[in-house]
């Protein structure tokens, strides 16, 4: 078997997330597998490093797949992109050792959540940013974000109530960058739970408008209860930036 690793960018607005599902064919993984089957005449499973939710985007998703036949990588990426929808694009493709697995070998991930904090809407970025029209206290948000850095049990920030695996994760850093009316919250961690980033972002926004105090963050972590945390920020603002190996 020949193993291929690729970097994928996509606009997730019109898709039901990365992972293929039994009740819909409208997923990133599903569409890509259909195209790969058309090109290679093989039934192929594509493994993604991050299972992004419905409406979430990616700049640097990593994925791998195995083929029985060896392909020239330039020819394969050209044919792949020619047949993919315009909102999915493979930016890199290379042959790797057979044992490589995009999800199991990943060491860390960077996600970026983007907010437009203004009264007016940026119509050219509305699909990729959360438009929030109330003034945010960025200093308070930064102080609250520091409470989540390190190794913690993030059960309060997980939407999966039936999660059986460990909910402990390590966040290496959360940086909040403000440029005019645009805010980027940059998350760097070893892995993230279902909706974890969007719930942390929603909680930080509630701190930013004075609905919550910074002192509550540690208590929310201790409660291990989703109801203790803030809102789930909309999917449109979230983008998977990069995977580390």
Protein backbone atom coordinates (compact mmCIF):
# COMPACT_ATOMS: atom_id res chain seq x y z
CA UNK A 1 0.00 0.00 0.00
CA UNK A 2 1.14 3.54 -0.76
CA UNK A 3 0.40 6.17 1.88
CA UNK A 4 -0.24 9.80 0.91
CA UNK A 5 -0.36 12.81 3.20
CA UNK A 6 -2.07 16.04 2.16
CA UNK A 7 -2.85 19.52 3.45
CA UNK A 8 -6.43 20.62 2.79
CA UNK A 9 -8.14 24.02 2.93
CA UNK A 10 -11.90 24.34 2.91
CA UNK A 11 -14.80 26.68 3.52
CA UNK A 12 -17.01 24.66 5.86
CA UNK A 13 -20.08 26.88 5.58
CA UNK A 14 -22.14 24.56 3.39
CA UNK A 15 -20.98 21.24 4.89
CA UNK A 16 -22.07 19.10 7.82
CA UNK A 17 -18.55 18.97 9.20
CA UNK A 18 -15.44 16.99 8.25
CA UNK A 19 -16.45 13.49 9.28
CA UNK A 20 -18.66 11.42 6.96
CA UNK A 21 -22.04 10.43 8.41
CA UNK A 22 -24.66 7.86 7.61
CA UNK A 23 -27.49 10.36 7.26
CA UNK A 24 -25.79 12.77 4.83
CA UNK A 25 -23.23 12.75 2.04
CA UNK A 26 -22.55 16.45 2.51
CA UNK A 27 -19.31 16.27 4.51
CA UNK A 28 -15.75 17.24 3.61
CA UNK A 29 -14.45 13.69 4.08
CA UNK A 30 -17.37 12.22 2.14
CA UNK A 31 -16.93 14.56 -0.84
CA UNK A 32 -13.19 13.94 -0.97
CA UNK A 33 -13.59 10.18 -0.83
CA UNK A 34 -16.11 10.31 -3.69
CA UNK A 35 -13.63 12.23 -5.83
CA UNK A 36 -10.73 9.95 -4.91
CA UNK A 37 -12.81 6.91 -5.83
CA UNK A 38 -13.62 8.50 -9.19
CA UNK A 39 -9.94 9.20 -9.89
CA UNK A 40 -8.34 5.96 -8.66
CA UNK A 41 -11.18 3.43 -8.98
CA UNK A 42 -10.40 2.35 -5.41
CA UNK A 43 -12.54 2.49 -2.26
CA UNK A 44 -10.46 4.76 -0.04
CA UNK A 45 -10.84 6.03 3.51
CA UNK A 46 -9.39 9.48 4.19
CA UNK A 47 -8.20 10.11 7.76
CA UNK A 48 -8.35 13.72 8.95
CA UNK A 49 -6.27 15.09 11.82
CA UNK A 50 -9.17 17.20 13.13
CA UNK A 51 -12.88 16.43 12.95
CA UNK A 52 -14.12 19.96 12.42
CA UNK A 53 -17.81 20.62 13.12
CA UNK A 54 -20.48 21.78 10.70
CA UNK A 55 -19.70 25.29 9.46
CA UNK A 56 -16.09 25.30 10.73
CA UNK A 57 -13.33 26.10 8.23
CA UNK A 58 -9.76 24.92 7.72
CA UNK A 59 -6.64 26.51 6.34
CA UNK A 60 -4.26 23.65 7.17
CA UNK A 61 -6.19 20.43 7.79
CA UNK A 62 -3.90 17.39 7.46
CA UNK A 63 -5.23 14.09 6.12
CA UNK A 64 -3.85 10.83 4.76
CA UNK A 65 -5.08 7.95 2.65
CA UNK A 66 -3.68 4.70 1.25
CA UNK A 67 -3.82 3.41 -2.33
CA UNK A 68 -2.93 0.06 -3.85
CA UNK A 69 -1.45 1.75 -6.90
CA UNK A 70 1.44 4.22 -6.78
CA UNK A 71 0.65 7.66 -8.22
CA UNK A 72 2.78 10.59 -9.28
CA UNK A 73 1.93 13.16 -6.61
CA UNK A 74 1.72 16.11 -9.01
CA UNK A 75 -0.68 14.25 -11.28
CA UNK A 76 -2.76 13.10 -8.31
CA UNK A 77 -3.11 16.56 -6.72
CA UNK A 78 -3.97 18.10 -10.10
CA UNK A 79 -6.71 15.58 -10.79
CA UNK A 80 -7.96 15.81 -7.21
CA UNK A 81 -8.35 19.59 -7.29
CA UNK A 82 -9.85 19.54 -10.78
CA UNK A 83 -12.71 17.34 -9.55
CA UNK A 84 -13.24 18.83 -6.08
CA UNK A 85 -15.83 21.58 -5.41
CA UNK A 86 -14.47 25.14 -5.43
CA UNK A 87 -14.72 25.38 -1.61
CA UNK A 88 -12.28 22.48 -1.04
CA UNK A 89 -8.64 22.62 -2.14
CA UNK A 90 -5.58 20.42 -1.60
CA UNK A 91 -2.56 22.68 -1.19
CA UNK A 92 0.10 19.98 -0.61
CA UNK A 93 0.35 16.25 -1.27
CA UNK A 94 3.26 13.90 -0.68
CA UNK A 95 4.02 10.21 -0.30
CA UNK A 96 4.90 9.21 3.29
CA UNK A 97 5.81 6.07 5.21
CA UNK A 98 3.03 3.53 5.52
CA UNK A 99 2.73 3.86 9.32
CA UNK A 100 1.90 7.59 9.23
CA UNK A 101 -1.62 8.43 10.47
CA UNK A 102 -2.74 12.07 10.38
CA UNK A 103 -4.80 11.91 13.58
CA UNK A 104 -2.89 9.40 15.71
CA UNK A 105 0.52 10.97 15.00
CA UNK A 106 -0.58 14.58 15.57
CA UNK A 107 1.22 16.33 18.47
CA UNK A 108 -0.68 19.60 18.53
CA UNK A 109 -3.12 21.89 16.74
CA UNK A 110 -3.67 25.58 16.26
CA UNK A 111 -7.19 26.95 15.84
CA UNK A 112 -8.12 30.59 15.31
CA UNK A 113 -11.46 32.13 16.26
CA UNK A 114 -12.20 35.44 14.50
CA UNK A 115 -14.61 38.11 15.73
CA UNK A 116 -15.69 41.31 14.05
CA UNK A 117 -16.43 43.61 16.98
CA UNK A 118 -18.32 46.50 15.43
CA UNK A 119 -21.82 47.79 14.74
CA UNK A 120 -21.47 47.44 10.97
CA UNK A 121 -21.06 44.10 9.22
CA UNK A 122 -18.10 43.23 7.00
CA UNK A 123 -20.10 41.63 4.19
CA UNK A 124 -17.01 40.15 2.55
CA UNK A 125 -16.02 38.22 5.70
CA UNK A 126 -19.41 37.36 7.20
CA UNK A 127 -18.92 33.65 6.40
CA UNK A 128 -15.60 33.59 8.26
CA UNK A 129 -16.09 35.83 11.29
CA UNK A 130 -18.56 36.13 14.15
CA UNK A 131 -20.10 39.58 13.98
CA UNK A 132 -20.53 40.81 17.57
CA UNK A 133 -21.79 44.37 17.99
CA UNK A 134 -21.29 44.93 21.74
CA UNK A 135 -17.98 46.42 22.91
CA UNK A 136 -15.60 43.82 24.32
CA UNK A 137 -13.10 44.37 27.15
CA UNK A 138 -10.07 42.68 25.59
CA UNK A 139 -7.88 43.01 28.71
CA UNK A 140 -10.47 41.14 30.79
CA UNK A 141 -10.73 38.46 28.11
CA UNK A 142 -6.96 38.01 28.09
CA UNK A 143 -6.90 37.67 31.87
CA UNK A 144 -9.68 35.07 31.75
CA UNK A 145 -7.95 33.16 28.94
CA UNK A 146 -4.85 32.68 31.09
CA UNK A 147 -6.96 30.55 33.47
CA UNK A 148 -7.32 27.92 30.74
CA UNK A 149 -3.64 27.62 29.83
CA UNK A 150 -2.01 24.42 31.07
CA UNK A 151 -3.35 20.94 31.74
CA UNK A 152 -6.98 20.92 32.92
CA UNK A 153 -10.11 18.81 32.83
CA UNK A 154 -12.23 20.67 30.27
CA UNK A 155 -15.45 18.70 30.80
CA UNK A 156 -17.33 21.97 31.43
CA UNK A 157 -16.35 23.01 27.90
CA UNK A 158 -17.52 19.89 26.06
CA UNK A 159 -20.93 19.52 24.39
CA UNK A 160 -20.76 15.72 24.39
CA UNK A 161 -22.58 14.74 27.59
CA UNK A 162 -21.82 11.06 27.04
CA UNK A 163 -18.06 11.50 26.64
CA UNK A 164 -16.46 8.33 28.05
CA UNK A 165 -12.84 9.12 27.28
CA UNK A 166 -10.68 11.52 29.28
CA UNK A 167 -11.66 15.18 29.05
CA UNK A 168 -8.22 16.33 30.19
CA UNK A 169 -6.39 18.42 27.61
CA UNK A 170 -3.33 20.70 27.52
CA UNK A 171 -3.65 24.23 26.16
CA UNK A 172 -0.18 25.63 25.51
CA UNK A 173 -1.32 29.18 24.84
CA UNK A 174 -4.32 31.40 24.10
CA UNK A 175 -3.38 34.67 22.42
CA UNK A 176 -5.90 37.42 21.74
CA UNK A 177 -4.88 39.81 18.99
CA UNK A 178 -6.87 42.98 18.27
CA UNK A 179 -6.56 44.90 15.00
CA UNK A 180 -9.04 47.75 14.55
CA UNK A 181 -12.44 46.06 14.97
CA UNK A 182 -11.20 42.56 14.24
CA UNK A 183 -10.22 40.16 17.03
CA UNK A 184 -8.40 36.85 16.67
CA UNK A 185 -8.28 34.32 19.51
CA UNK A 186 -5.47 31.87 18.76
CA UNK A 187 -5.61 28.49 20.52
CA UNK A 188 -2.56 26.21 20.63
CA UNK A 189 -3.08 22.83 22.32
CA UNK A 190 -2.48 19.11 22.14
CA UNK A 191 -6.13 18.44 21.30
CA UNK A 192 -9.62 19.80 21.78
CA UNK A 193 -12.98 18.32 22.84
CA UNK A 194 -16.26 18.58 20.93
CA UNK A 195 -17.15 22.31 20.76
CA UNK A 196 -14.43 23.08 23.34
CA UNK A 197 -12.94 26.08 21.55
CA UNK A 198 -16.34 27.54 20.70
CA UNK A 199 -17.53 27.22 24.33
CA UNK A 200 -14.33 28.76 25.73
CA UNK A 201 -14.71 31.57 23.18
CA UNK A 202 -18.32 32.11 24.17
CA UNK A 203 -17.31 32.24 27.83
CA UNK A 204 -14.54 34.76 27.07
CA UNK A 205 -17.03 36.91 25.18
CA UNK A 206 -19.32 36.89 28.22
CA UNK A 207 -16.34 38.08 30.29
CA UNK A 208 -15.71 40.75 27.66
CA UNK A 209 -19.20 42.24 28.06
CA UNK A 210 -19.17 42.00 31.86
CA UNK A 211 -21.66 39.16 32.11
CA UNK A 212 -19.06 36.99 33.87
CA UNK A 213 -16.09 37.81 36.09
CA UNK A 214 -12.58 36.53 35.54
CA UNK A 215 -12.68 34.95 39.00
CA UNK A 216 -15.38 32.52 37.81
CA UNK A 217 -13.12 30.71 35.31
CA UNK A 218 -11.38 28.44 37.81
CA UNK A 219 -14.71 27.53 39.40
CA UNK A 220 -16.19 26.64 35.99
CA UNK A 221 -13.31 24.24 35.37
CA UNK A 222 -13.81 22.64 38.80
CA UNK A 223 -17.55 22.06 38.29
CA UNK A 224 -17.03 19.80 35.24
CA UNK A 225 -20.52 20.76 34.11
CA UNK A 226 -21.35 22.16 30.68
CA UNK A 227 -24.12 24.29 32.20
CA UNK A 228 -21.54 26.20 34.24
CA UNK A 229 -19.76 27.58 31.16
CA UNK A 230 -20.86 30.21 28.67
CA UNK A 231 -22.51 30.12 25.28
CA UNK A 232 -21.22 28.18 22.29
CA UNK A 233 -19.85 30.75 19.84
CA UNK A 234 -21.04 30.32 16.23
CA UNK A 235 -19.13 27.94 13.96
CA UNK A 236 -18.46 30.53 11.25
CA UNK A 237 -15.68 32.23 13.24
CA UNK A 238 -13.58 29.10 13.78
CA UNK A 239 -10.77 27.90 11.54
CA UNK A 240 -8.34 24.99 11.90
CA UNK A 241 -5.02 26.68 11.18
CA UNK A 242 -2.27 24.08 11.50
CA UNK A 243 -1.43 20.56 12.71
CA UNK A 244 1.91 19.76 14.35
CA UNK A 245 3.78 16.44 14.08
